[in-house]
């Protein structure tokens, strides 16, 4: 790999910015553009009330724009029993980019989520008709009686993906934050209307990492060396089937290290592109991928052009420069109300400069 790269500005098609206005949103939203990113697909799983209406999505967008108006926020709805085909048509008219489906109980703020897709048939057909994207958290909830754990929850979801593709062949679908080789292969089975996002942290983490470090724990969880290798290979051979969706998920340190279960989420927003490049370097060193596979075109596609194209956006005409070891990850981001520990805190990382 090279020591510097010049790319079009990046698009991160899966981010969590939390409630806005709010202390966490105020900390993390200003880190988007310094990371070389100017377009983000914003998740709707807010608490205590998720984003289930167009009006709520637009209000949320305005609150984020008040923090940083220089970012293009692609908004989404939370698939919920209150959503109607008419709301989908309204969403399309105002530019809502997608509807996120959370299996009930599978991840953060999924208590309002989906048990079955059958009750949403009319909504899904409206989405197929309008060209609104279905964004899938591709796991089933853990269930000891059925032998489901975080290690096989994604694989157990894949029959549901195949069923949705078969029933709604024109529906645009994103299998979010793929973590297994099985998920990569499933996405490749289908046409161009079915794609996957890949995070920065899943390109380097394994199960042993998150089992020992609360700041590495997320849903879906990192898995085996073979799965990590499949993800790295998907990045460099994407050809539009996979693109960046960091699933950057900030939590206050008290939620990661306080009493009770640790919150699921890895915070990668400030150095998202650098984390990917560092993971590719490490993958080359291990022999998971070849250095010749890491081309400028493959990286520019994964970081910028593939995601924009899928969501119907024009290519970026802005450029960024990334420089190896040009920055150091902060130990934490702090305000009087919150503290968030970023991924790989204290390590050297690629820097970003807007050109």
Protein backbone atom coordinates (compact mmCIF):
# COMPACT_ATOMS: atom_id res chain seq x y z
CA UNK A 1 0.00 0.00 0.00
CA UNK A 2 0.98 3.61 -0.49
CA UNK A 3 1.74 6.19 2.20
CA UNK A 4 -0.81 8.69 0.82
CA UNK A 5 -4.09 8.41 -1.05
CA UNK A 6 -6.32 10.99 -2.72
CA UNK A 7 -10.00 10.12 -3.00
CA UNK A 8 -13.37 11.76 -3.49
CA UNK A 9 -14.94 12.67 -0.16
CA UNK A 10 -16.38 9.65 1.59
CA UNK A 11 -19.96 8.58 2.31
CA UNK A 12 -20.66 6.63 5.49
CA UNK A 13 -23.89 4.76 4.95
CA UNK A 14 -24.54 3.67 8.55
CA UNK A 15 -23.99 6.02 11.49
CA UNK A 16 -25.46 6.53 14.94
CA UNK A 17 -25.48 10.15 16.09
CA UNK A 18 -27.96 9.74 18.99
CA UNK A 19 -30.62 12.20 20.12
CA UNK A 20 -30.24 15.76 18.89
CA UNK A 21 -30.05 18.12 20.51
CA UNK A 22 -28.16 16.09 23.08
CA UNK A 23 -24.72 15.72 24.66
CA UNK A 24 -23.55 12.75 22.58
CA UNK A 25 -24.78 14.18 19.27
CA UNK A 26 -23.01 17.43 20.11
CA UNK A 27 -19.75 15.53 20.62
CA UNK A 28 -19.81 13.14 17.67
CA UNK A 29 -21.57 15.02 14.85
CA UNK A 30 -18.67 17.52 14.50
CA UNK A 31 -16.28 14.58 13.92
CA UNK A 32 -17.90 13.57 10.61
CA UNK A 33 -16.32 16.08 8.23
CA UNK A 34 -12.82 15.99 9.79
CA UNK A 35 -12.91 12.26 9.00
CA UNK A 36 -13.19 13.05 5.27
CA UNK A 37 -16.90 12.24 5.16
CA UNK A 38 -19.61 14.60 3.92
CA UNK A 39 -22.59 12.26 3.53
CA UNK A 40 -24.02 9.95 6.22
CA UNK A 41 -26.99 7.61 6.44
CA UNK A 42 -28.40 8.23 9.93
CA UNK A 43 -29.92 5.44 12.00
CA UNK A 44 -33.41 5.97 13.51
CA UNK A 45 -33.18 3.88 16.72
CA UNK A 46 -33.37 6.76 19.16
CA UNK A 47 -34.68 6.40 22.69
CA UNK A 48 -37.11 6.76 24.32
CA UNK A 49 -38.93 7.17 20.98
CA UNK A 50 -37.56 5.91 17.64
CA UNK A 51 -38.00 7.79 14.37
CA UNK A 52 -41.19 6.29 12.91
CA UNK A 53 -42.63 9.22 10.94
CA UNK A 54 -41.48 11.56 8.21
CA UNK A 55 -42.12 14.58 10.40
CA UNK A 56 -39.93 13.17 13.17
CA UNK A 57 -37.16 12.37 10.68
CA UNK A 58 -37.18 15.90 9.29
CA UNK A 59 -37.15 17.37 12.78
CA UNK A 60 -34.16 15.17 13.66
CA UNK A 61 -32.39 16.23 10.48
CA UNK A 62 -32.87 19.90 11.33
CA UNK A 63 -31.39 19.31 14.78
CA UNK A 64 -28.31 17.65 13.25
CA UNK A 65 -27.94 20.45 10.71
CA UNK A 66 -27.92 22.91 13.60
CA UNK A 67 -24.81 21.14 14.90
CA UNK A 68 -23.04 20.88 11.51
CA UNK A 69 -24.81 22.14 8.38
CA UNK A 70 -21.92 21.00 6.18
CA UNK A 71 -22.96 17.34 6.22
CA UNK A 72 -25.54 15.72 3.93
CA UNK A 73 -27.71 13.73 6.35
CA UNK A 74 -29.64 10.90 4.69
CA UNK A 75 -32.52 10.16 7.04
CA UNK A 76 -34.31 6.90 7.75
CA UNK A 77 -37.42 5.56 9.44
CA UNK A 78 -37.66 2.74 11.98
CA UNK A 79 -39.81 -0.13 10.66
CA UNK A 80 -42.72 -0.09 13.08
CA UNK A 81 -46.38 -1.09 13.14
CA UNK A 82 -47.41 2.58 12.89
CA UNK A 83 -45.83 3.03 9.44
CA UNK A 84 -48.25 2.91 6.51
CA UNK A 85 -47.87 2.76 2.71
CA UNK A 86 -48.98 6.40 2.66
CA UNK A 87 -46.10 7.33 4.99
CA UNK A 88 -43.69 5.55 2.64
CA UNK A 89 -44.96 7.62 -0.30
CA UNK A 90 -44.56 10.76 1.80
CA UNK A 91 -41.04 9.66 2.76
CA UNK A 92 -40.08 9.24 -0.87
CA UNK A 93 -41.32 12.72 -1.76
CA UNK A 94 -39.19 14.43 0.91
CA UNK A 95 -36.06 12.36 0.32
CA UNK A 96 -36.08 9.91 3.22
CA UNK A 97 -33.47 7.39 2.11
CA UNK A 98 -34.53 4.15 3.77
CA UNK A 99 -36.42 2.21 6.41
CA UNK A 100 -34.40 0.28 8.99
CA UNK A 101 -35.65 -3.08 10.23
CA UNK A 102 -34.44 -4.20 13.65
CA UNK A 103 -35.29 -7.73 14.82
CA UNK A 104 -36.94 -7.24 18.19
CA UNK A 105 -34.44 -7.60 21.00
CA UNK A 106 -31.38 -8.11 18.79
CA UNK A 107 -29.47 -4.89 19.47
CA UNK A 108 -29.55 -1.38 20.99
CA UNK A 109 -33.05 0.14 21.13
CA UNK A 110 -34.62 -2.72 19.20
CA UNK A 111 -37.42 -3.32 21.69
CA UNK A 112 -39.88 -1.83 19.18
CA UNK A 113 -38.55 -4.00 16.39
CA UNK A 114 -39.77 -6.69 14.01
CA UNK A 115 -40.88 -10.17 15.07
CA UNK A 116 -42.08 -11.12 11.58
CA UNK A 117 -42.08 -9.32 8.23
CA UNK A 118 -45.52 -10.70 7.32
CA UNK A 119 -47.49 -7.81 8.93
CA UNK A 120 -45.43 -5.34 6.85
CA UNK A 121 -46.32 -6.76 3.43
CA UNK A 122 -48.16 -3.63 2.23
CA UNK A 123 -45.41 -1.36 3.54
CA UNK A 124 -42.68 -3.43 1.87
CA UNK A 125 -44.60 -3.43 -1.42
CA UNK A 126 -44.91 0.34 -1.16
CA UNK A 127 -41.17 0.59 -0.58
CA UNK A 128 -40.53 -1.64 -3.59
CA UNK A 129 -42.82 0.54 -5.69
CA UNK A 130 -41.37 3.85 -4.49
CA UNK A 131 -37.71 2.79 -4.54
CA UNK A 132 -37.23 3.28 -0.79
CA UNK A 133 -34.41 1.13 0.61
CA UNK A 134 -34.95 -1.58 3.23
CA UNK A 135 -31.99 -1.57 5.63
CA UNK A 136 -31.66 -4.82 7.55
CA UNK A 137 -30.00 -5.46 10.87
CA UNK A 138 -29.19 -9.01 9.83
CA UNK A 139 -29.44 -10.98 13.06
CA UNK A 140 -32.00 -12.97 14.96
CA UNK A 141 -32.20 -12.47 18.71
CA UNK A 142 -30.12 -14.76 20.91
CA UNK A 143 -32.12 -17.74 22.13
CA UNK A 144 -30.46 -20.49 24.14
CA UNK A 145 -33.30 -22.94 23.56
CA UNK A 146 -32.83 -22.62 19.81
CA UNK A 147 -29.04 -22.52 20.01
CA UNK A 148 -28.76 -18.91 18.85
CA UNK A 149 -25.86 -16.83 20.18
CA UNK A 150 -24.07 -13.72 18.94
CA UNK A 151 -21.75 -16.02 17.01
CA UNK A 152 -24.43 -17.50 14.73
CA UNK A 153 -27.21 -14.87 14.92
CA UNK A 154 -26.26 -13.41 11.52
CA UNK A 155 -26.11 -16.77 9.79
CA UNK A 156 -29.52 -17.68 11.22
CA UNK A 157 -30.96 -14.50 9.69
CA UNK A 158 -29.87 -15.24 6.11
CA UNK A 159 -32.92 -17.40 5.25
CA UNK A 160 -35.04 -14.34 6.10
CA UNK A 161 -32.95 -12.26 3.70
CA UNK A 162 -33.45 -14.81 0.95
CA UNK A 163 -37.18 -14.90 1.65
CA UNK A 164 -37.46 -11.12 1.37
CA UNK A 165 -35.52 -11.04 -1.91
CA UNK A 166 -37.72 -13.79 -3.32
CA UNK A 167 -40.98 -12.13 -2.28
CA UNK A 168 -40.00 -8.56 -3.20
CA UNK A 169 -37.59 -8.94 -6.14
CA UNK A 170 -37.56 -5.22 -6.95
CA UNK A 171 -36.96 -4.03 -3.39
CA UNK A 172 -33.63 -2.35 -2.76
CA UNK A 173 -32.07 -4.06 0.27
CA UNK A 174 -28.96 -3.38 2.33
CA UNK A 175 -27.69 -6.14 4.61
CA UNK A 176 -26.06 -3.88 7.17
CA UNK A 177 -22.70 -4.46 8.90
CA UNK A 178 -21.89 -7.89 7.45
CA UNK A 179 -19.68 -9.89 9.81
CA UNK A 180 -19.43 -13.36 8.30
CA UNK A 181 -18.25 -15.02 5.14
CA UNK A 182 -21.74 -16.50 4.85
CA UNK A 183 -23.27 -13.01 4.77
CA UNK A 184 -20.79 -11.89 2.09
CA UNK A 185 -21.69 -14.85 -0.07
CA UNK A 186 -25.41 -14.30 0.47
CA UNK A 187 -25.18 -10.70 -0.75
CA UNK A 188 -23.28 -11.88 -3.81
CA UNK A 189 -26.07 -14.32 -4.68
CA UNK A 190 -28.43 -11.56 -5.72
CA UNK A 191 -28.64 -8.77 -8.27
CA UNK A 192 -27.54 -5.17 -7.97
CA UNK A 193 -30.53 -4.21 -5.83
CA UNK A 194 -29.11 -6.21 -2.88
CA UNK A 195 -25.90 -4.92 -1.31
CA UNK A 196 -24.06 -5.00 2.00
CA UNK A 197 -22.28 -2.52 4.23
CA UNK A 198 -19.05 -3.32 6.05
CA UNK A 199 -17.79 -1.50 9.11
CA UNK A 200 -14.26 -0.34 9.85
CA UNK A 201 -13.92 -2.27 13.11
CA UNK A 202 -15.06 -5.65 11.79
CA UNK A 203 -12.10 -5.55 9.39
CA UNK A 204 -9.71 -5.91 12.33
CA UNK A 205 -11.55 -7.27 15.39
CA UNK A 206 -12.08 -10.92 16.33
CA UNK A 207 -14.22 -12.52 19.02
CA UNK A 208 -11.23 -12.62 21.39
CA UNK A 209 -10.85 -8.84 21.11
CA UNK A 210 -14.35 -7.88 22.19
CA UNK A 211 -14.53 -10.57 24.86
CA UNK A 212 -11.63 -8.80 26.59
CA UNK A 213 -12.43 -5.13 25.88
CA UNK A 214 -15.80 -3.45 26.39
CA UNK A 215 -14.94 -0.76 23.82
CA UNK A 216 -14.72 -3.49 21.15
CA UNK A 217 -18.11 -5.03 21.94
CA UNK A 218 -20.85 -4.43 19.37
CA UNK A 219 -23.84 -6.09 17.71
CA UNK A 220 -23.35 -7.89 15.46
CA UNK A 221 -20.18 -9.06 17.16
CA UNK A 222 -16.84 -9.68 15.49
CA UNK A 223 -16.24 -13.34 14.76
CA UNK A 224 -13.50 -15.62 13.36
CA UNK A 225 -10.28 -15.03 11.43
CA UNK A 226 -11.94 -16.67 8.42
CA UNK A 227 -14.87 -14.25 8.61
CA UNK A 228 -12.54 -11.26 8.94
CA UNK A 229 -10.62 -12.45 5.89
CA UNK A 230 -13.87 -12.66 3.88
CA UNK A 231 -14.74 -9.09 4.83
CA UNK A 232 -11.33 -7.76 3.83
CA UNK A 233 -11.59 -9.55 0.51
CA UNK A 234 -15.09 -8.14 -0.01
CA UNK A 235 -13.77 -4.59 0.45
CA UNK A 236 -11.11 -4.90 -2.24
CA UNK A 237 -13.29 -6.89 -4.67
CA UNK A 238 -16.61 -5.13 -4.02
CA UNK A 239 -17.46 -3.86 -7.50
CA UNK A 240 -20.44 -2.13 -5.95
CA UNK A 241 -21.81 -5.00 -3.84
CA UNK A 242 -20.25 -3.67 -0.62
CA UNK A 243 -19.53 -0.18 0.66
CA UNK A 244 -18.67 1.66 3.85
CA UNK A 245 -21.22 1.73 6.64
CA UNK A 246 -19.27 2.17 9.85
CA UNK A 247 -22.08 1.51 12.33
CA UNK A 248 -20.16 3.99 14.48
CA UNK A 249 -22.06 3.73 17.74
CA UNK A 250 -21.08 6.15 20.50
CA UNK A 251 -21.92 5.41 24.12
CA UNK A 252 -20.99 7.36 27.21
CA UNK A 253 -18.22 5.61 29.12
CA UNK A 254 -20.64 4.94 31.97
CA UNK A 255 -22.70 2.74 29.62
CA UNK A 256 -19.62 0.80 28.58
CA UNK A 257 -18.00 0.38 32.01
CA UNK A 258 -20.83 0.99 34.48
CA UNK A 259 -22.95 -1.51 36.36
CA UNK A 260 -24.93 -4.10 34.42
CA UNK A 261 -24.51 -5.23 30.82
CA UNK A 262 -22.18 -3.19 28.66
CA UNK A 263 -23.73 -1.22 25.80
CA UNK A 264 -23.12 -2.64 22.32
CA UNK A 265 -21.27 -0.29 19.99
CA UNK A 266 -17.83 0.72 18.72
CA UNK A 267 -17.17 4.42 18.13
CA UNK A 268 -15.20 4.89 14.90
CA UNK A 269 -16.54 8.12 13.37
CA UNK A 270 -13.51 10.44 13.73
CA UNK A 271 -11.04 8.10 11.97
CA UNK A 272 -13.30 5.80 9.97
CA UNK A 273 -11.27 5.80 6.76
CA UNK A 274 -7.98 5.44 8.60
CA UNK A 275 -9.26 2.42 10.48
CA UNK A 276 -10.14 0.74 7.18
CA UNK A 277 -6.73 1.48 5.67
CA UNK A 278 -4.96 0.23 8.79
CA UNK A 279 -7.01 -2.97 8.74
CA UNK A 280 -6.07 -3.51 5.10
CA UNK A 281 -2.39 -3.05 5.97
CA UNK A 282 -2.70 -5.60 8.74
CA UNK A 283 -4.57 -7.96 6.41
CA UNK A 284 -1.78 -7.77 3.87
CA UNK A 285 0.78 -8.52 6.59
CA UNK A 286 -1.19 -11.64 7.64
CA UNK A 287 -1.68 -12.79 4.05
CA UNK A 288 -5.46 -12.34 4.13
CA UNK A 289 -5.32 -10.14 1.04
CA UNK A 290 -2.68 -9.17 -1.49
CA UNK A 291 -1.24 -5.68 -1.66
CA UNK A 292 -1.99 -5.66 -5.39
CA UNK A 293 -5.69 -6.01 -4.59
CA UNK A 294 -5.75 -2.68 -2.75
CA UNK A 295 -6.17 -0.37 -5.73
CA UNK A 296 -7.12 3.30 -5.72
CA UNK A 297 -10.27 2.43 -7.68
CA UNK A 298 -11.35 -0.25 -5.19
CA UNK A 299 -10.82 2.07 -2.22
CA UNK A 300 -12.55 5.06 -3.84
CA UNK A 301 -15.48 2.83 -4.70
CA UNK A 302 -15.80 1.39 -1.21
CA UNK A 303 -15.37 4.75 0.52
CA UNK A 304 -17.40 6.96 -1.78
CA UNK A 305 -18.81 6.07 -5.16
CA UNK A 306 -20.55 2.72 -4.58
CA UNK A 307 -22.69 3.90 -1.68
CA UNK A 308 -23.64 7.15 -3.38
CA UNK A 309 -24.64 5.31 -6.55
CA UNK A 310 -26.83 2.83 -4.67
CA UNK A 311 -28.71 5.65 -2.94
CA UNK A 312 -29.09 7.62 -6.16
CA UNK A 313 -26.62 10.36 -5.29
CA UNK A 314 -24.16 11.96 -7.72
CA UNK A 315 -20.42 11.31 -7.36
CA UNK A 316 -18.57 13.70 -5.07
CA UNK A 317 -16.55 16.48 -6.67
CA UNK A 318 -14.66 17.18 -3.43
CA UNK A 319 -11.33 15.55 -2.69
CA UNK A 320 -9.53 14.39 0.43
CA UNK A 321 -5.92 13.39 1.15
CA UNK A 322 -5.11 10.55 3.55
CA UNK A 323 -1.61 10.26 5.02
CA UNK A 324 -0.26 7.19 6.83
CA UNK A 325 0.41 7.70 10.57
CA UNK A 326 -0.46 11.37 10.25
CA UNK A 327 -2.64 11.42 13.36
CA UNK A 328 -3.08 9.82 16.77
CA UNK A 329 -6.44 8.62 18.03
CA UNK A 330 -7.55 10.53 21.13
CA UNK A 331 -7.90 8.66 24.42
CA UNK A 332 -11.46 9.99 24.63
CA UNK A 333 -13.84 12.73 23.52
CA UNK A 334 -15.13 14.69 26.50
CA UNK A 335 -17.62 17.34 27.40
CA UNK A 336 -19.11 18.27 30.75
CA UNK A 337 -21.95 15.84 30.09
CA UNK A 338 -20.38 12.89 28.25
CA UNK A 339 -17.17 10.98 27.58
CA UNK A 340 -16.75 8.60 24.63
CA UNK A 341 -13.77 6.31 24.04
CA UNK A 342 -12.92 5.87 20.34
CA UNK A 343 -11.73 2.67 18.73
CA UNK A 344 -7.96 2.06 18.92
CA UNK A 345 -7.48 4.95 21.34
CA UNK A 346 -3.89 6.17 21.57
CA UNK A 347 -2.76 4.49 18.33
CA UNK A 348 -1.22 6.10 15.27
CA UNK A 349 -3.72 6.36 12.43
CA UNK A 350 -4.10 7.80 8.94
CA UNK A 351 -4.84 11.53 8.89
CA UNK A 352 -7.33 13.27 6.59
CA UNK A 353 -7.00 16.61 4.85
CA UNK A 354 -9.63 18.29 2.68
CA UNK A 355 -8.19 19.53 -0.63
